[in-house]
């Protein structure tokens, strides 16, 4: 496949590009600045600010991965950035003839069961530090926007609660809307293993028009 990866220089983007290249896919790694190279991939420069430019980059691709990260001081920008990627993908052919879009999402909208037996989102569970909530809320809004969208073939991929640099184990569990917790009581996955799940979903789709998650 030809896969365009936006945010290719980020922690998840780097591993996604590496995994896709290792499987023999034609990868276009998109970053904000030209001082970047990815072994085995071609590169492009774009900041996801103009849908027309996004369209020009993604046209003819089989899939697009949005691994974009917003500026630290303006986390709500992730919504606008991703909306523009959605528009660019739509203009490149949309649901019928355009590329698929897989969005690297957040875990805050996944469901957990509280100690008193209530099923609530991780965001509303009280477990998350207050400083995390702005980016969590932005990702929830982003997911809501995708659920309303009928113009493209999308998938939203929530990671585990702890999304970290770590070894490539090659084993993890998949789920849909509930936070996956391991026997150690933790919900975690490495960027490298998350990248495996991204590549697997692109090669053999299971979650078109849905959200899914992965964790150990």
N, C-alpha and C. Protein backbone atom coordinates (compact mmCIF):
# COMPACT_ATOMS: atom_id res chain seq x y z
N UNK A 1 0.82 -1.20 0.00
CA UNK A 1 0.00 0.00 0.00
C UNK A 1 0.86 1.25 0.00
N UNK A 2 0.27 2.34 -0.45
CA UNK A 2 0.88 3.64 -0.27
C UNK A 2 0.20 4.29 0.93
N UNK A 3 0.99 4.63 1.95
CA UNK A 3 0.44 5.19 3.18
C UNK A 3 1.12 6.52 3.49
N UNK A 4 0.32 7.54 3.71
CA UNK A 4 0.83 8.85 4.10
C UNK A 4 0.69 8.99 5.61
N UNK A 5 1.77 9.33 6.29
CA UNK A 5 1.75 9.46 7.74
C UNK A 5 2.00 10.92 8.11
N UNK A 6 0.97 11.59 8.62
CA UNK A 6 1.12 12.95 9.14
C UNK A 6 1.59 12.86 10.60
N UNK A 7 2.52 13.73 10.97
CA UNK A 7 3.08 13.66 12.31
C UNK A 7 4.15 12.59 12.41
N UNK A 8 4.87 12.39 11.31
CA UNK A 8 5.83 11.28 11.23
C UNK A 8 7.03 11.44 12.15
N UNK A 9 7.23 12.63 12.68
CA UNK A 9 8.39 12.88 13.54
C UNK A 9 8.07 12.67 15.02
N UNK A 10 6.78 12.50 15.35
CA UNK A 10 6.37 12.32 16.74
C UNK A 10 6.67 10.92 17.25
N UNK A 11 6.42 10.71 18.54
CA UNK A 11 6.78 9.44 19.17
C UNK A 11 6.03 8.26 18.55
N UNK A 12 4.75 8.44 18.29
CA UNK A 12 4.02 7.34 17.64
C UNK A 12 4.29 7.32 16.14
N UNK A 13 4.38 8.50 15.51
CA UNK A 13 4.60 8.57 14.07
C UNK A 13 5.88 7.90 13.62
N UNK A 14 6.95 8.09 14.36
CA UNK A 14 8.24 7.47 14.02
C UNK A 14 8.10 5.96 13.98
N UNK A 15 7.43 5.40 14.98
CA UNK A 15 7.30 3.94 15.04
C UNK A 15 6.34 3.42 13.97
N UNK A 16 5.31 4.19 13.67
CA UNK A 16 4.36 3.77 12.63
C UNK A 16 5.05 3.74 11.27
N UNK A 17 5.82 4.77 10.97
CA UNK A 17 6.58 4.80 9.71
C UNK A 17 7.53 3.61 9.65
N UNK A 18 8.24 3.37 10.72
CA UNK A 18 9.22 2.26 10.76
C UNK A 18 8.53 0.92 10.52
N UNK A 19 7.39 0.71 11.17
CA UNK A 19 6.66 -0.56 11.04
C UNK A 19 6.14 -0.76 9.62
N UNK A 20 5.56 0.30 9.05
CA UNK A 20 5.03 0.19 7.69
C UNK A 20 6.13 -0.06 6.67
N UNK A 21 7.25 0.63 6.82
CA UNK A 21 8.38 0.42 5.91
C UNK A 21 8.89 -1.02 6.03
N UNK A 22 8.96 -1.54 7.24
CA UNK A 22 9.47 -2.90 7.45
C UNK A 22 8.59 -3.95 6.79
N UNK A 23 7.32 -3.60 6.54
CA UNK A 23 6.39 -4.52 5.90
C UNK A 23 6.33 -4.32 4.38
N UNK A 24 7.16 -3.42 3.87
CA UNK A 24 7.25 -3.25 2.44
C UNK A 24 6.28 -2.25 1.84
N UNK A 25 5.61 -1.46 2.67
CA UNK A 25 4.67 -0.47 2.15
C UNK A 25 5.41 0.78 1.67
N UNK A 26 4.81 1.49 0.74
CA UNK A 26 5.35 2.75 0.24
C UNK A 26 4.86 3.85 1.19
N UNK A 27 5.77 4.46 1.93
CA UNK A 27 5.39 5.40 2.98
C UNK A 27 5.84 6.81 2.64
N UNK A 28 4.92 7.76 2.81
CA UNK A 28 5.24 9.18 2.71
C UNK A 28 5.16 9.76 4.12
N UNK A 29 6.28 10.16 4.66
CA UNK A 29 6.36 10.69 6.02
C UNK A 29 6.24 12.21 5.97
N UNK A 30 5.17 12.74 6.57
CA UNK A 30 4.89 14.18 6.51
C UNK A 30 5.22 14.83 7.85
N UNK A 31 6.03 15.89 7.80
CA UNK A 31 6.39 16.63 9.00
C UNK A 31 6.27 18.13 8.73
N UNK A 32 6.35 18.91 9.80
CA UNK A 32 6.23 20.37 9.66
C UNK A 32 7.49 21.01 9.09
N UNK A 33 8.61 20.35 9.27
CA UNK A 33 9.89 20.94 8.86
C UNK A 33 10.64 19.99 7.94
N UNK A 34 11.48 20.56 7.09
CA UNK A 34 12.18 19.77 6.07
C UNK A 34 13.38 19.01 6.61
N UNK A 35 13.83 19.31 7.82
CA UNK A 35 15.04 18.68 8.36
C UNK A 35 14.72 17.31 8.96
N UNK A 36 14.15 16.44 8.17
CA UNK A 36 13.75 15.13 8.66
C UNK A 36 13.94 14.09 7.56
N UNK A 37 14.38 12.93 7.93
CA UNK A 37 14.48 11.83 6.98
C UNK A 37 14.06 10.55 7.68
N UNK A 38 13.44 9.67 6.94
CA UNK A 38 12.99 8.40 7.49
C UNK A 38 13.49 7.29 6.58
N UNK A 39 14.37 6.42 7.05
CA UNK A 39 14.90 5.35 6.20
C UNK A 39 13.79 4.54 5.54
N UNK A 40 13.88 4.43 4.23
CA UNK A 40 12.90 3.64 3.49
C UNK A 40 11.63 4.36 3.10
N UNK A 41 11.49 5.62 3.56
CA UNK A 41 10.28 6.40 3.25
C UNK A 41 10.65 7.65 2.47
N UNK A 42 9.71 8.16 1.71
CA UNK A 42 9.86 9.49 1.13
C UNK A 42 9.27 10.49 2.10
N UNK A 43 9.62 11.76 1.95
CA UNK A 43 9.15 12.76 2.91
C UNK A 43 8.41 13.89 2.20
N UNK A 44 7.57 14.56 2.97
CA UNK A 44 6.86 15.75 2.50
C UNK A 44 6.73 16.70 3.67
N UNK A 45 6.61 17.99 3.36
CA UNK A 45 6.49 19.01 4.41
C UNK A 45 5.10 19.62 4.37
N UNK A 46 4.41 19.60 5.50
CA UNK A 46 3.09 20.21 5.60
C UNK A 46 2.73 20.36 7.07
N UNK A 47 2.00 21.43 7.41
CA UNK A 47 1.59 21.65 8.80
C UNK A 47 0.09 21.43 9.00
N UNK A 48 -0.56 20.82 8.03
CA UNK A 48 -2.00 20.51 8.12
C UNK A 48 -2.86 21.74 8.31
N UNK A 49 -2.45 22.84 7.70
CA UNK A 49 -3.23 24.08 7.85
C UNK A 49 -4.14 24.37 6.66
N UNK A 50 -3.92 23.66 5.52
CA UNK A 50 -4.72 23.93 4.33
C UNK A 50 -5.19 22.61 3.71
N UNK A 51 -6.51 22.36 3.70
CA UNK A 51 -7.03 21.11 3.13
C UNK A 51 -6.57 20.85 1.69
N UNK A 52 -6.44 21.90 0.88
CA UNK A 52 -6.04 21.69 -0.51
C UNK A 52 -4.64 21.09 -0.61
N UNK A 53 -3.74 21.55 0.26
CA UNK A 53 -2.39 20.98 0.24
C UNK A 53 -2.40 19.55 0.75
N UNK A 54 -3.21 19.30 1.76
CA UNK A 54 -3.34 17.93 2.27
C UNK A 54 -3.84 17.01 1.16
N UNK A 55 -4.84 17.48 0.41
CA UNK A 55 -5.38 16.70 -0.70
C UNK A 55 -4.29 16.35 -1.71
N UNK A 56 -3.46 17.34 -2.03
CA UNK A 56 -2.40 17.11 -3.01
C UNK A 56 -1.41 16.05 -2.52
N UNK A 57 -1.16 16.02 -1.22
CA UNK A 57 -0.22 15.05 -0.66
C UNK A 57 -0.82 13.65 -0.58
N UNK A 58 -2.09 13.55 -0.22
CA UNK A 58 -2.68 12.23 0.04
C UNK A 58 -3.36 11.61 -1.18
N UNK A 59 -3.58 12.41 -2.24
CA UNK A 59 -4.27 11.85 -3.41
C UNK A 59 -3.49 10.67 -3.98
N UNK A 60 -4.18 9.59 -4.25
CA UNK A 60 -3.54 8.39 -4.79
C UNK A 60 -3.05 7.42 -3.73
N UNK A 61 -3.10 7.83 -2.45
CA UNK A 61 -2.69 6.93 -1.37
C UNK A 61 -3.81 5.94 -1.05
N UNK A 62 -3.45 4.81 -0.49
CA UNK A 62 -4.43 3.84 -0.02
C UNK A 62 -4.91 4.18 1.39
N UNK A 63 -4.04 4.79 2.16
CA UNK A 63 -4.40 5.13 3.54
C UNK A 63 -3.60 6.34 4.01
N UNK A 64 -4.19 7.03 4.99
CA UNK A 64 -3.54 8.16 5.65
C UNK A 64 -3.59 7.90 7.14
N UNK A 65 -2.48 8.10 7.82
CA UNK A 65 -2.44 8.02 9.28
C UNK A 65 -2.21 9.42 9.82
N UNK A 66 -3.10 9.86 10.70
CA UNK A 66 -2.91 11.15 11.35
C UNK A 66 -2.38 10.91 12.75
N UNK A 67 -1.07 11.14 12.91
CA UNK A 67 -0.43 11.01 14.22
C UNK A 67 0.01 12.39 14.69
N UNK A 68 -0.80 13.39 14.34
CA UNK A 68 -0.48 14.78 14.65
C UNK A 68 -0.58 15.04 16.15
N UNK A 69 0.26 15.94 16.62
CA UNK A 69 0.21 16.41 18.00
C UNK A 69 0.06 17.92 17.99
N UNK A 70 -0.81 18.48 18.84
CA UNK A 70 -1.00 19.93 18.86
C UNK A 70 0.10 20.62 19.64
N UNK A 71 0.22 21.94 19.49
CA UNK A 71 1.16 22.68 20.34
C UNK A 71 0.80 22.50 21.81
N UNK A 72 1.79 22.42 22.65
CA UNK A 72 1.57 22.17 24.08
C UNK A 72 0.66 23.23 24.69
N UNK A 73 0.79 24.48 24.24
CA UNK A 73 0.02 25.57 24.84
C UNK A 73 -1.34 25.79 24.17
N UNK A 74 -1.72 24.94 23.22
CA UNK A 74 -2.99 25.09 22.54
C UNK A 74 -3.47 23.72 22.07
N UNK A 75 -3.85 22.88 23.04
CA UNK A 75 -4.18 21.50 22.73
C UNK A 75 -5.44 21.37 21.87
N UNK A 76 -6.30 22.38 21.89
CA UNK A 76 -7.52 22.30 21.09
C UNK A 76 -7.23 22.33 19.59
N UNK A 77 -6.01 22.72 19.22
CA UNK A 77 -5.66 22.76 17.80
C UNK A 77 -5.71 21.38 17.14
N UNK A 78 -5.63 20.31 17.95
CA UNK A 78 -5.68 18.98 17.36
C UNK A 78 -7.00 18.75 16.65
N UNK A 79 -8.08 19.39 17.13
CA UNK A 79 -9.39 19.22 16.50
C UNK A 79 -9.38 19.85 15.11
N UNK A 80 -8.92 21.11 15.03
CA UNK A 80 -8.88 21.79 13.75
C UNK A 80 -7.92 21.13 12.78
N UNK A 81 -6.77 20.70 13.27
CA UNK A 81 -5.79 20.05 12.41
C UNK A 81 -6.38 18.77 11.81
N UNK A 82 -7.01 17.96 12.65
CA UNK A 82 -7.56 16.70 12.17
C UNK A 82 -8.76 16.93 11.26
N UNK A 83 -9.58 17.92 11.59
CA UNK A 83 -10.71 18.25 10.71
C UNK A 83 -10.23 18.62 9.31
N UNK A 84 -9.10 19.32 9.24
CA UNK A 84 -8.56 19.69 7.93
C UNK A 84 -8.01 18.46 7.20
N UNK A 85 -7.42 17.54 7.94
CA UNK A 85 -6.97 16.29 7.31
C UNK A 85 -8.18 15.52 6.78
N UNK A 86 -9.26 15.47 7.56
CA UNK A 86 -10.48 14.82 7.12
C UNK A 86 -10.99 15.45 5.82
N UNK A 87 -11.00 16.78 5.79
CA UNK A 87 -11.45 17.48 4.58
C UNK A 87 -10.54 17.17 3.40
N UNK A 88 -9.23 17.17 3.65
CA UNK A 88 -8.28 16.85 2.58
C UNK A 88 -8.47 15.45 2.03
N UNK A 89 -8.70 14.49 2.93
CA UNK A 89 -8.95 13.10 2.51
C UNK A 89 -10.26 13.02 1.73
N UNK A 90 -11.27 13.74 2.18
CA UNK A 90 -12.56 13.76 1.48
C UNK A 90 -12.41 14.30 0.07
N UNK A 91 -11.65 15.39 -0.07
CA UNK A 91 -11.44 15.99 -1.38
C UNK A 91 -10.61 15.09 -2.29
N UNK A 92 -9.86 14.17 -1.70
CA UNK A 92 -9.03 13.25 -2.48
C UNK A 92 -9.80 12.03 -2.97
N UNK A 93 -11.10 12.02 -2.75
CA UNK A 93 -11.90 10.91 -3.25
C UNK A 93 -12.98 10.44 -2.31
N UNK A 94 -12.80 10.76 -1.02
CA UNK A 94 -13.83 10.42 -0.05
C UNK A 94 -13.98 8.93 0.18
N UNK A 95 -15.13 8.55 0.71
CA UNK A 95 -15.37 7.18 1.16
C UNK A 95 -15.29 6.16 0.03
N UNK A 96 -15.71 6.53 -1.15
CA UNK A 96 -15.79 5.57 -2.24
C UNK A 96 -14.46 5.31 -2.95
N UNK A 97 -13.67 6.38 -3.16
CA UNK A 97 -12.45 6.20 -3.97
C UNK A 97 -11.21 6.82 -3.34
N UNK A 98 -11.35 7.45 -2.20
CA UNK A 98 -10.21 8.08 -1.55
C UNK A 98 -9.52 7.17 -0.56
N UNK A 99 -8.46 7.63 0.08
CA UNK A 99 -7.74 6.82 1.06
C UNK A 99 -8.52 6.66 2.36
N UNK A 100 -8.24 5.59 3.08
CA UNK A 100 -8.74 5.44 4.45
C UNK A 100 -8.00 6.43 5.33
N UNK A 101 -8.61 6.81 6.45
CA UNK A 101 -7.94 7.63 7.45
C UNK A 101 -7.95 6.91 8.78
N UNK A 102 -6.78 6.71 9.36
CA UNK A 102 -6.65 6.18 10.72
C UNK A 102 -6.07 7.27 11.60
N UNK A 103 -6.80 7.61 12.66
CA UNK A 103 -6.38 8.69 13.56
C UNK A 103 -5.81 8.11 14.85
N UNK A 104 -4.60 8.54 15.19
CA UNK A 104 -4.00 8.21 16.48
C UNK A 104 -4.71 9.06 17.53
N UNK A 105 -5.51 8.42 18.35
CA UNK A 105 -6.38 9.15 19.27
C UNK A 105 -5.91 9.17 20.70
N UNK A 106 -6.86 9.36 21.60
CA UNK A 106 -6.57 9.41 23.02
C UNK A 106 -7.38 8.35 23.76
N UNK A 107 -7.01 8.12 25.03
CA UNK A 107 -7.66 7.07 25.83
C UNK A 107 -8.80 7.61 26.69
N UNK A 108 -8.94 8.93 26.78
CA UNK A 108 -9.88 9.52 27.73
C UNK A 108 -11.33 9.19 27.49
N UNK A 109 -11.70 8.83 26.26
CA UNK A 109 -13.09 8.50 25.96
C UNK A 109 -13.40 7.02 26.14
N UNK A 110 -12.39 6.21 26.47
CA UNK A 110 -12.63 4.80 26.76
C UNK A 110 -13.37 4.65 28.10
N UNK A 111 -14.14 3.58 28.22
CA UNK A 111 -14.96 3.38 29.42
C UNK A 111 -14.25 2.52 30.46
N UNK A 112 -14.51 2.86 31.72
CA UNK A 112 -14.00 2.10 32.86
C UNK A 112 -15.16 1.90 33.84
N UNK A 113 -15.01 0.93 34.73
CA UNK A 113 -16.00 0.71 35.79
C UNK A 113 -15.42 1.20 37.11
N UNK A 114 -16.11 2.11 37.75
CA UNK A 114 -15.63 2.70 39.01
C UNK A 114 -15.85 1.72 40.16
N UNK A 115 -15.31 2.05 41.32
CA UNK A 115 -15.41 1.18 42.49
C UNK A 115 -16.86 0.98 42.93
N UNK A 116 -17.72 1.96 42.63
CA UNK A 116 -19.13 1.81 43.00
C UNK A 116 -19.97 1.20 41.88
N UNK A 117 -19.28 0.65 40.85
CA UNK A 117 -19.97 -0.10 39.81
C UNK A 117 -20.50 0.70 38.66
N UNK A 118 -20.18 1.97 38.57
CA UNK A 118 -20.67 2.80 37.47
C UNK A 118 -19.73 2.71 36.28
N UNK A 119 -20.29 2.68 35.08
CA UNK A 119 -19.50 2.66 33.84
C UNK A 119 -19.42 4.08 33.30
N UNK A 120 -18.24 4.65 33.35
CA UNK A 120 -18.04 6.03 32.92
C UNK A 120 -16.80 6.09 32.05
N UNK A 121 -16.62 7.20 31.35
CA UNK A 121 -15.39 7.35 30.58
C UNK A 121 -14.22 7.57 31.53
N UNK A 122 -13.05 7.24 31.05
CA UNK A 122 -11.84 7.49 31.84
C UNK A 122 -11.74 8.96 32.19
N UNK A 123 -12.18 9.83 31.26
CA UNK A 123 -12.14 11.27 31.50
C UNK A 123 -13.00 11.66 32.72
N UNK A 124 -14.13 11.00 32.87
CA UNK A 124 -15.07 11.36 33.95
C UNK A 124 -14.89 10.51 35.20
N UNK A 125 -13.87 9.67 35.21
CA UNK A 125 -13.69 8.75 36.33
C UNK A 125 -13.04 9.39 37.55
N UNK A 126 -12.40 10.54 37.33
CA UNK A 126 -11.68 11.17 38.42
C UNK A 126 -10.26 10.68 38.58
N UNK A 127 -9.84 9.74 37.70
CA UNK A 127 -8.50 9.17 37.80
C UNK A 127 -7.44 10.04 37.13
N UNK A 128 -7.84 10.89 36.22
CA UNK A 128 -6.86 11.64 35.43
C UNK A 128 -6.47 12.95 36.09
N UNK A 129 -5.19 13.31 36.03
CA UNK A 129 -4.76 14.61 36.55
C UNK A 129 -5.42 15.76 35.79
N UNK A 130 -5.72 16.84 36.48
CA UNK A 130 -6.43 17.97 35.87
C UNK A 130 -5.67 18.54 34.68
N UNK A 131 -4.34 18.49 34.72
CA UNK A 131 -3.57 19.07 33.62
C UNK A 131 -3.68 18.26 32.33
N UNK A 132 -4.16 17.04 32.41
CA UNK A 132 -4.34 16.24 31.20
C UNK A 132 -5.67 16.51 30.51
N UNK A 133 -6.62 17.11 31.21
CA UNK A 133 -7.98 17.21 30.70
C UNK A 133 -8.14 18.03 29.43
N UNK A 134 -7.40 19.12 29.23
CA UNK A 134 -7.58 19.86 27.97
C UNK A 134 -7.33 19.01 26.72
N UNK A 135 -6.26 18.23 26.68
CA UNK A 135 -5.99 17.40 25.51
C UNK A 135 -6.98 16.23 25.45
N UNK A 136 -7.39 15.71 26.60
CA UNK A 136 -8.39 14.65 26.64
C UNK A 136 -9.70 15.15 26.03
N UNK A 137 -10.13 16.34 26.45
CA UNK A 137 -11.38 16.91 25.94
C UNK A 137 -11.30 17.17 24.44
N UNK A 138 -10.14 17.60 23.97
CA UNK A 138 -9.97 17.85 22.53
C UNK A 138 -10.10 16.55 21.74
N UNK A 139 -9.52 15.48 22.25
CA UNK A 139 -9.62 14.20 21.55
C UNK A 139 -11.04 13.63 21.58
N UNK A 140 -11.77 13.88 22.66
CA UNK A 140 -13.17 13.45 22.71
C UNK A 140 -13.97 14.20 21.65
N UNK A 141 -13.74 15.49 21.51
CA UNK A 141 -14.42 16.28 20.49
C UNK A 141 -14.05 15.78 19.10
N UNK A 142 -12.79 15.46 18.90
CA UNK A 142 -12.31 14.95 17.61
C UNK A 142 -13.03 13.65 17.26
N UNK A 143 -13.15 12.73 18.23
CA UNK A 143 -13.83 11.47 17.98
C UNK A 143 -15.30 11.70 17.67
N UNK A 144 -15.94 12.62 18.39
CA UNK A 144 -17.34 12.94 18.12
C UNK A 144 -17.52 13.45 16.69
N UNK A 145 -16.58 14.29 16.24
CA UNK A 145 -16.65 14.81 14.87
C UNK A 145 -16.55 13.68 13.85
N UNK A 146 -15.65 12.72 14.09
CA UNK A 146 -15.50 11.60 13.17
C UNK A 146 -16.77 10.75 13.11
N UNK A 147 -17.40 10.53 14.27
CA UNK A 147 -18.61 9.71 14.31
C UNK A 147 -19.74 10.31 13.48
N UNK A 148 -19.72 11.63 13.35
CA UNK A 148 -20.76 12.31 12.56
C UNK A 148 -20.42 12.37 11.08
N UNK A 149 -19.20 12.01 10.74
CA UNK A 149 -18.73 12.18 9.36
C UNK A 149 -19.16 11.02 8.47
N UNK A 150 -19.72 11.35 7.32
CA UNK A 150 -20.15 10.34 6.36
C UNK A 150 -19.38 10.40 5.05
N UNK A 151 -18.33 11.25 5.01
CA UNK A 151 -17.66 11.50 3.72
C UNK A 151 -16.41 10.66 3.51
N UNK A 152 -15.84 10.08 4.58
CA UNK A 152 -14.60 9.34 4.44
C UNK A 152 -14.68 8.00 5.17
N UNK A 153 -13.73 7.14 4.87
CA UNK A 153 -13.57 5.83 5.51
C UNK A 153 -12.57 6.01 6.65
N UNK A 154 -13.07 6.12 7.90
CA UNK A 154 -12.20 6.47 9.02
C UNK A 154 -12.15 5.37 10.09
N UNK A 155 -11.06 5.42 10.87
CA UNK A 155 -10.91 4.60 12.07
C UNK A 155 -10.18 5.45 13.11
N UNK A 156 -10.64 5.40 14.35
CA UNK A 156 -10.01 6.13 15.45
C UNK A 156 -9.40 5.09 16.40
N UNK A 157 -8.13 5.25 16.70
CA UNK A 157 -7.40 4.24 17.49
C UNK A 157 -6.97 4.82 18.82
N UNK A 158 -7.69 4.46 19.88
CA UNK A 158 -7.32 4.88 21.23
C UNK A 158 -6.21 3.98 21.78
N UNK A 159 -5.16 4.57 22.32
CA UNK A 159 -4.12 3.74 22.96
C UNK A 159 -4.55 3.35 24.37
N UNK A 160 -3.68 2.66 25.07
CA UNK A 160 -3.88 2.39 26.48
C UNK A 160 -3.75 3.70 27.27
N UNK A 161 -4.08 3.65 28.55
CA UNK A 161 -3.99 4.85 29.39
C UNK A 161 -2.56 5.38 29.43
N UNK A 162 -1.59 4.47 29.47
CA UNK A 162 -0.19 4.87 29.45
C UNK A 162 0.40 4.43 28.12
N UNK A 163 0.74 5.43 27.31
CA UNK A 163 1.21 5.27 25.93
C UNK A 163 2.66 5.72 25.96
N UNK A 164 3.61 4.77 25.92
CA UNK A 164 4.97 5.07 26.33
C UNK A 164 6.03 4.53 25.38
N UNK A 165 7.22 5.09 25.49
CA UNK A 165 8.38 4.51 24.83
C UNK A 165 8.70 3.20 25.54
N UNK A 166 8.90 2.16 24.76
CA UNK A 166 9.16 0.87 25.37
C UNK A 166 9.49 -0.17 24.32
N UNK A 167 9.71 -1.41 24.74
CA UNK A 167 10.10 -2.46 23.81
C UNK A 167 8.98 -2.88 22.88
N UNK A 168 9.35 -3.46 21.76
CA UNK A 168 8.40 -4.03 20.82
C UNK A 168 8.20 -5.49 21.21
N UNK A 169 7.13 -5.76 21.95
CA UNK A 169 6.86 -7.12 22.41
C UNK A 169 6.18 -7.97 21.34
N UNK A 170 5.34 -7.34 20.53
CA UNK A 170 4.64 -8.06 19.48
C UNK A 170 3.37 -8.75 19.95
N UNK A 171 3.01 -8.57 21.21
CA UNK A 171 1.77 -9.16 21.73
C UNK A 171 1.00 -8.10 22.50
N UNK A 172 -0.30 -8.07 22.29
CA UNK A 172 -1.20 -7.12 22.96
C UNK A 172 -2.62 -7.59 22.71
N UNK A 173 -3.57 -6.94 23.36
CA UNK A 173 -4.98 -7.28 23.18
C UNK A 173 -5.70 -6.12 22.52
N UNK A 174 -6.70 -6.44 21.71
CA UNK A 174 -7.52 -5.42 21.07
C UNK A 174 -8.88 -5.34 21.75
N UNK A 175 -9.46 -4.14 21.72
CA UNK A 175 -10.81 -3.94 22.24
C UNK A 175 -11.47 -2.83 21.46
N UNK A 176 -12.67 -2.45 21.90
CA UNK A 176 -13.40 -1.40 21.19
C UNK A 176 -13.55 -0.14 22.04
N UNK A 177 -14.45 -0.16 23.00
CA UNK A 177 -14.76 1.07 23.72
C UNK A 177 -14.38 1.05 25.19
N UNK A 178 -13.84 -0.07 25.68
CA UNK A 178 -13.49 -0.18 27.09
C UNK A 178 -11.98 -0.22 27.28
N UNK A 179 -11.51 0.47 28.29
CA UNK A 179 -10.08 0.49 28.61
C UNK A 179 -9.61 -0.93 28.95
N UNK A 180 -8.51 -1.35 28.32
CA UNK A 180 -7.95 -2.67 28.59
C UNK A 180 -6.91 -2.55 29.70
N UNK A 181 -7.07 -3.37 30.72
CA UNK A 181 -6.16 -3.36 31.87
C UNK A 181 -5.53 -4.73 32.01
N UNK A 182 -4.22 -4.75 32.21
CA UNK A 182 -3.50 -6.01 32.33
C UNK A 182 -3.61 -6.62 33.71
N UNK A 183 -3.05 -7.82 33.87
CA UNK A 183 -3.08 -8.51 35.16
C UNK A 183 -2.34 -7.74 36.25
N UNK A 184 -1.44 -6.84 35.80
CA UNK A 184 -0.71 -6.02 36.78
C UNK A 184 -1.49 -4.80 37.21
N UNK A 185 -2.72 -4.67 36.73
CA UNK A 185 -3.56 -3.54 37.11
C UNK A 185 -3.30 -2.28 36.32
N UNK A 186 -2.42 -2.37 35.30
CA UNK A 186 -2.08 -1.20 34.51
C UNK A 186 -2.64 -1.31 33.09
N UNK A 187 -2.93 -0.16 32.51
CA UNK A 187 -3.33 -0.09 31.11
C UNK A 187 -2.19 0.59 30.38
N UNK A 188 -1.46 -0.17 29.56
CA UNK A 188 -0.26 0.38 28.95
C UNK A 188 0.06 -0.30 27.63
N UNK A 189 0.75 0.42 26.77
CA UNK A 189 1.27 -0.12 25.51
C UNK A 189 2.42 0.76 25.06
N UNK A 190 3.38 0.17 24.38
CA UNK A 190 4.50 0.95 23.85
C UNK A 190 4.12 1.50 22.48
N UNK A 191 4.80 2.56 22.07
CA UNK A 191 4.58 3.11 20.74
C UNK A 191 4.87 2.06 19.67
N UNK A 192 5.87 1.24 19.90
CA UNK A 192 6.26 0.24 18.92
C UNK A 192 5.16 -0.80 18.72
N UNK A 193 4.53 -1.25 19.80
CA UNK A 193 3.46 -2.23 19.67
C UNK A 193 2.18 -1.60 19.14
N UNK A 194 1.93 -0.36 19.51
CA UNK A 194 0.80 0.38 18.94
C UNK A 194 0.95 0.45 17.42
N UNK A 195 2.18 0.67 16.96
CA UNK A 195 2.44 0.75 15.52
C UNK A 195 2.13 -0.57 14.81
N UNK A 196 2.38 -1.69 15.48
CA UNK A 196 2.02 -2.98 14.91
C UNK A 196 0.52 -3.05 14.69
N UNK A 197 -0.25 -2.61 15.68
CA UNK A 197 -1.71 -2.65 15.57
C UNK A 197 -2.21 -1.72 14.47
N UNK A 198 -1.54 -0.58 14.28
CA UNK A 198 -1.89 0.34 13.19
C UNK A 198 -1.70 -0.36 11.85
N UNK A 199 -0.54 -0.96 11.65
CA UNK A 199 -0.24 -1.63 10.38
C UNK A 199 -1.18 -2.81 10.15
N UNK A 200 -1.47 -3.56 11.20
CA UNK A 200 -2.40 -4.68 11.08
C UNK A 200 -3.78 -4.21 10.62
N UNK A 201 -4.26 -3.12 11.21
CA UNK A 201 -5.59 -2.60 10.86
C UNK A 201 -5.62 -2.09 9.43
N UNK A 202 -4.55 -1.48 8.98
CA UNK A 202 -4.50 -0.99 7.60
C UNK A 202 -4.47 -2.16 6.61
N UNK A 203 -3.76 -3.21 6.96
CA UNK A 203 -3.65 -4.36 6.06
C UNK A 203 -4.91 -5.22 6.06
N UNK A 204 -5.50 -5.43 7.23
CA UNK A 204 -6.69 -6.27 7.35
C UNK A 204 -7.71 -5.55 8.24
N UNK A 205 -8.49 -4.64 7.64
CA UNK A 205 -9.40 -3.79 8.42
C UNK A 205 -10.44 -4.57 9.23
N UNK A 206 -10.56 -4.20 10.48
CA UNK A 206 -11.60 -4.75 11.36
C UNK A 206 -12.51 -3.68 11.93
N UNK A 207 -12.06 -2.42 11.88
CA UNK A 207 -12.75 -1.37 12.62
C UNK A 207 -13.07 -0.15 11.76
N UNK A 208 -13.58 -0.39 10.57
CA UNK A 208 -13.95 0.73 9.69
C UNK A 208 -15.13 1.50 10.29
N UNK A 209 -15.01 2.83 10.34
CA UNK A 209 -16.07 3.65 10.89
C UNK A 209 -16.27 3.47 12.38
N UNK A 210 -15.22 3.00 13.07
CA UNK A 210 -15.31 2.72 14.49
C UNK A 210 -14.05 3.19 15.21
N UNK A 211 -14.14 3.12 16.53
CA UNK A 211 -12.97 3.30 17.38
C UNK A 211 -12.55 1.92 17.92
N UNK A 212 -11.24 1.75 18.07
CA UNK A 212 -10.76 0.55 18.76
C UNK A 212 -9.58 0.93 19.65
N UNK A 213 -9.14 0.01 20.44
CA UNK A 213 -8.05 0.25 21.38
C UNK A 213 -7.16 -0.99 21.47
N UNK A 214 -5.98 -0.80 22.03
CA UNK A 214 -5.04 -1.90 22.22
C UNK A 214 -4.23 -1.67 23.49
N UNK A 215 -3.93 -2.74 24.19
CA UNK A 215 -3.09 -2.65 25.39
C UNK A 215 -2.61 -4.05 25.73
N UNK A 216 -1.66 -4.12 26.66
CA UNK A 216 -1.13 -5.42 27.07
C UNK A 216 -2.13 -6.14 27.97
